[in-house]
Amino acid sequence: MTVTVLAVDDSRTMRDMIRMSLVPAGFQVHLAEDGVHGVEVLRDIAPDAIITDINMPRMDGFGFIDAVRQQDTHRATPILVLTTESAPELKQRARSAGATGWIVKPFDPEKLVKALTLVTG
């Protein structure tokens, strides 16, 4: 079974790094450049997991997580935050919004694969 992931990040380099880390591990990866684009992509796919940055234009990660959790079809979809931020209050805010986990950039590709494997079962 192929696990489908939506990665939302405003950095093209980071989106490419996520894709290059996950595709060889067997994941199908869809990309979005910010929260608004991520919500649009969710109209067309039903990912098994979502990765999102926090600091993005148009709609930040917190707004994106809120928008995802408001959709019945995505209320239980695991969401991993992948960000340069490490403040405990931001982690708590993300968890309160519905994030499943938090990974600080720069990330270890193997740890990202393991985290996604854990949350998608």
C-alpha atoms as a PDB file:
ATOM      1  CA  MET A   1       0.000   0.000   0.000  1.00  0.00           C
ATOM      2  CA  THR A   2       1.374   3.385  -0.987  1.00  0.00           C
ATOM      3  CA  VAL A   3       1.166   6.104   1.647  1.00  0.00           C
ATOM      4  CA  THR A   4       0.159   9.496   0.245  1.00  0.00           C
ATOM      5  CA  VAL A   5       1.586  12.635   1.862  1.00  0.00           C
ATOM      6  CA  LEU A   6       0.794  16.305   1.298  1.00  0.00           C
ATOM      7  CA  ALA A   7       3.784  18.558   2.051  1.00  0.00           C
ATOM      8  CA  VAL A   8       3.023  22.263   2.527  1.00  0.00           C
ATOM      9  CA  ASP A   9       5.983  24.661   2.640  1.00  0.00           C
ATOM     10  CA  ASP A  10       6.674  28.031   1.029  1.00  0.00           C
ATOM     11  CA  SER A  11      10.295  27.063   0.285  1.00  0.00           C
ATOM     12  CA  ARG A  12      10.727  25.253  -3.030  1.00  0.00           C
ATOM     13  CA  THR A  13      14.024  23.873  -1.736  1.00  0.00           C
ATOM     14  CA  MET A  14      12.326  22.428   1.342  1.00  0.00           C
ATOM     15  CA  ARG A  15       9.498  20.932  -0.724  1.00  0.00           C
ATOM     16  CA  ASP A  16      12.098  19.310  -2.986  1.00  0.00           C
ATOM     17  CA  MET A  17      14.020  17.968   0.013  1.00  0.00           C
ATOM     18  CA  ILE A  18      10.860  16.466   1.498  1.00  0.00           C
ATOM     19  CA  ARG A  19       9.963  14.844  -1.817  1.00  0.00           C
ATOM     20  CA  MET A  20      13.515  13.506  -2.320  1.00  0.00           C
ATOM     21  CA  SER A  21      13.437  12.063   1.208  1.00  0.00           C
ATOM     22  CA  LEU A  22      10.044  10.373   0.924  1.00  0.00           C
ATOM     23  CA  VAL A  23       9.685   9.130  -2.650  1.00  0.00           C
ATOM     24  CA  PRO A  24      12.597   6.645  -2.430  1.00  0.00           C
ATOM     25  CA  ALA A  25      10.998   5.290   0.765  1.00  0.00           C
ATOM     26  CA  GLY A  26       7.822   4.499  -1.200  1.00  0.00           C
ATOM     27  CA  PHE A  27       5.661   7.508  -0.339  1.00  0.00           C
ATOM     28  CA  GLN A  28       3.557   9.334  -2.920  1.00  0.00           C
ATOM     29  CA  VAL A  29       4.126  13.057  -2.327  1.00  0.00           C
ATOM     30  CA  HIS A  30       1.925  15.999  -3.305  1.00  0.00           C
ATOM     31  CA  LEU A  31       3.253  19.518  -2.790  1.00  0.00           C
ATOM     32  CA  ALA A  32       1.701  22.883  -1.916  1.00  0.00           C
ATOM     33  CA  GLU A  33       3.420  26.252  -1.567  1.00  0.00           C
ATOM     34  CA  ASP A  34       1.389  27.634   1.350  1.00  0.00           C
ATOM     35  CA  GLY A  35      -1.699  26.969   3.445  1.00  0.00           C
ATOM     36  CA  VAL A  36      -4.143  28.358   0.873  1.00  0.00           C
ATOM     37  CA  HIS A  37      -2.678  26.135  -1.838  1.00  0.00           C
ATOM     38  CA  GLY A  38      -2.658  23.201   0.615  1.00  0.00           C
ATOM     39  CA  VAL A  39      -6.403  23.562   1.227  1.00  0.00           C
ATOM     40  CA  GLU A  40      -6.949  23.663  -2.554  1.00  0.00           C
ATOM     41  CA  VAL A  41      -4.900  20.465  -3.053  1.00  0.00           C
ATOM     42  CA  LEU A  42      -6.949  18.719  -0.347  1.00  0.00           C
ATOM     43  CA  ARG A  43     -10.018  19.104  -2.558  1.00  0.00           C
ATOM     44  CA  ASP A  44      -8.420  16.664  -5.009  1.00  0.00           C
ATOM     45  CA  ILE A  45      -6.560  14.183  -2.797  1.00  0.00           C
ATOM     46  CA  ALA A  46      -7.078  12.339   0.475  1.00  0.00           C
ATOM     47  CA  PRO A  47      -3.590  12.082   1.959  1.00  0.00           C
ATOM     48  CA  ASP A  48      -2.695   9.564   4.640  1.00  0.00           C
ATOM     49  CA  ALA A  49      -0.592  12.272   6.333  1.00  0.00           C
ATOM     50  CA  ILE A  50       0.229  15.961   6.007  1.00  0.00           C
ATOM     51  CA  ILE A  51       3.477  17.822   6.632  1.00  0.00           C
ATOM     52  CA  THR A  52       3.282  21.580   7.102  1.00  0.00           C
ATOM     53  CA  ASP A  53       5.582  24.473   7.846  1.00  0.00           C
ATOM     54  CA  ILE A  54       4.428  27.182  10.258  1.00  0.00           C
ATOM     55  CA  ASN A  55       5.814  30.400   8.770  1.00  0.00           C
ATOM     56  CA  MET A  56       4.222  30.814   5.329  1.00  0.00           C
ATOM     57  CA  PRO A  57       2.572  33.668   3.409  1.00  0.00           C
ATOM     58  CA  ARG A  58      -1.183  33.923   2.736  1.00  0.00           C
ATOM     59  CA  MET A  59      -2.060  31.256   5.341  1.00  0.00           C
ATOM     60  CA  ASP A  60       0.408  30.116   7.974  1.00  0.00           C
ATOM     61  CA  GLY A  61       0.656  26.597   9.342  1.00  0.00           C
ATOM     62  CA  PHE A  62      -1.669  27.264  12.268  1.00  0.00           C
ATOM     63  CA  GLY A  63      -4.383  28.548   9.926  1.00  0.00           C
ATOM     64  CA  PHE A  64      -3.795  25.595   7.635  1.00  0.00           C
ATOM     65  CA  ILE A  65      -4.097  23.079  10.487  1.00  0.00           C
ATOM     66  CA  ASP A  66      -7.343  24.761  11.581  1.00  0.00           C
ATOM     67  CA  ALA A  67      -8.688  24.623   8.011  1.00  0.00           C
ATOM     68  CA  VAL A  68      -7.785  20.933   7.707  1.00  0.00           C
ATOM     69  CA  ARG A  69      -9.390  20.022  11.020  1.00  0.00           C
ATOM     70  CA  GLN A  70     -12.622  21.792  10.037  1.00  0.00           C
ATOM     71  CA  GLN A  71     -13.083  19.336   7.169  1.00  0.00           C
ATOM     72  CA  ASP A  72     -14.837  16.121   8.191  1.00  0.00           C
ATOM     73  CA  THR A  73     -12.755  14.065   5.766  1.00  0.00           C
ATOM     74  CA  HIS A  74      -9.476  15.247   7.313  1.00  0.00           C
ATOM     75  CA  ARG A  75     -10.273  15.502  11.036  1.00  0.00           C
ATOM     76  CA  ALA A  76      -8.154  12.435  11.824  1.00  0.00           C
ATOM     77  CA  THR A  77      -5.430  12.835   9.187  1.00  0.00           C
ATOM     78  CA  PRO A  78      -2.050  12.969  10.964  1.00  0.00           C
ATOM     79  CA  ILE A  79      -0.345  16.360  10.621  1.00  0.00           C
ATOM     80  CA  LEU A  80       3.381  16.754  11.264  1.00  0.00           C
ATOM     81  CA  VAL A  81       4.729  20.272  11.662  1.00  0.00           C
ATOM     82  CA  LEU A  82       8.161  20.672  10.022  1.00  0.00           C
ATOM     83  CA  THR A  83       9.585  24.061  10.955  1.00  0.00           C
ATOM     84  CA  THR A  84      12.596  26.039  12.128  1.00  0.00           C
ATOM     85  CA  GLU A  85      10.600  27.079  15.202  1.00  0.00           C
ATOM     86  CA  SER A  86      11.288  25.308  18.492  1.00  0.00           C
ATOM     87  CA  ALA A  87       9.490  27.399  21.124  1.00  0.00           C
ATOM     88  CA  PRO A  88       7.404  25.245  23.494  1.00  0.00           C
ATOM     89  CA  GLU A  89       4.439  27.642  23.287  1.00  0.00           C
ATOM     90  CA  LEU A  90       4.324  27.251  19.501  1.00  0.00           C
ATOM     91  CA  LYS A  91       4.450  23.464  19.826  1.00  0.00           C
ATOM     92  CA  GLN A  92       1.565  23.615  22.285  1.00  0.00           C
ATOM     93  CA  ARG A  93      -0.389  25.932  19.999  1.00  0.00           C
ATOM     94  CA  ALA A  94       0.098  23.491  17.116  1.00  0.00           C
ATOM     95  CA  ARG A  95      -1.005  20.523  19.238  1.00  0.00           C
ATOM     96  CA  SER A  96      -4.058  22.463  20.404  1.00  0.00           C
ATOM     97  CA  ALA A  97      -4.896  23.209  16.757  1.00  0.00           C
ATOM     98  CA  GLY A  98      -4.662  19.507  15.911  1.00  0.00           C
ATOM     99  CA  ALA A  99      -1.046  18.761  14.959  1.00  0.00           C
ATOM    100  CA  THR A 100       0.108  15.216  15.601  1.00  0.00           C
ATOM    101  CA  GLY A 101       3.855  15.868  15.825  1.00  0.00           C
ATOM    102  CA  TRP A 102       6.640  18.455  15.510  1.00  0.00           C
ATOM    103  CA  ILE A 103       9.990  18.156  13.732  1.00  0.00           C
ATOM    104  CA  VAL A 104      12.581  20.955  13.722  1.00  0.00           C
ATOM    105  CA  LYS A 105      14.444  21.870  10.530  1.00  0.00           C
ATOM    106  CA  PRO A 106      16.951  20.947   9.331  1.00  0.00           C
ATOM    107  CA  PHE A 107      15.484  17.474   9.401  1.00  0.00           C
ATOM    108  CA  ASP A 108      16.992  14.012   9.164  1.00  0.00           C
ATOM    109  CA  PRO A 109      15.302  12.229   6.222  1.00  0.00           C
ATOM    110  CA  GLU A 110      15.319   8.894   8.055  1.00  0.00           C
ATOM    111  CA  LYS A 111      13.579  10.435  11.071  1.00  0.00           C
ATOM    112  CA  LEU A 112      10.949  12.000   8.820  1.00  0.00           C
ATOM    113  CA  VAL A 113      10.270   8.630   7.178  1.00  0.00           C
ATOM    114  CA  LYS A 114      10.064   6.957  10.614  1.00  0.00           C
ATOM    115  CA  ALA A 115       7.717   9.644  11.946  1.00  0.00           C
ATOM    116  CA  LEU A 116       5.402   9.280   8.948  1.00  0.00           C
ATOM    117  CA  THR A 117       5.502   5.507   9.206  1.00  0.00           C
ATOM    118  CA  LEU A 118       4.506   5.739  12.874  1.00  0.00           C
ATOM    119  CA  VAL A 119       1.583   8.108  12.325  1.00  0.00           C
ATOM    120  CA  THR A 120       0.217   6.301   9.283  1.00  0.00           C
ATOM    121  CA  GLY A 121       0.520   2.820  10.793  1.00  0.00           C
END
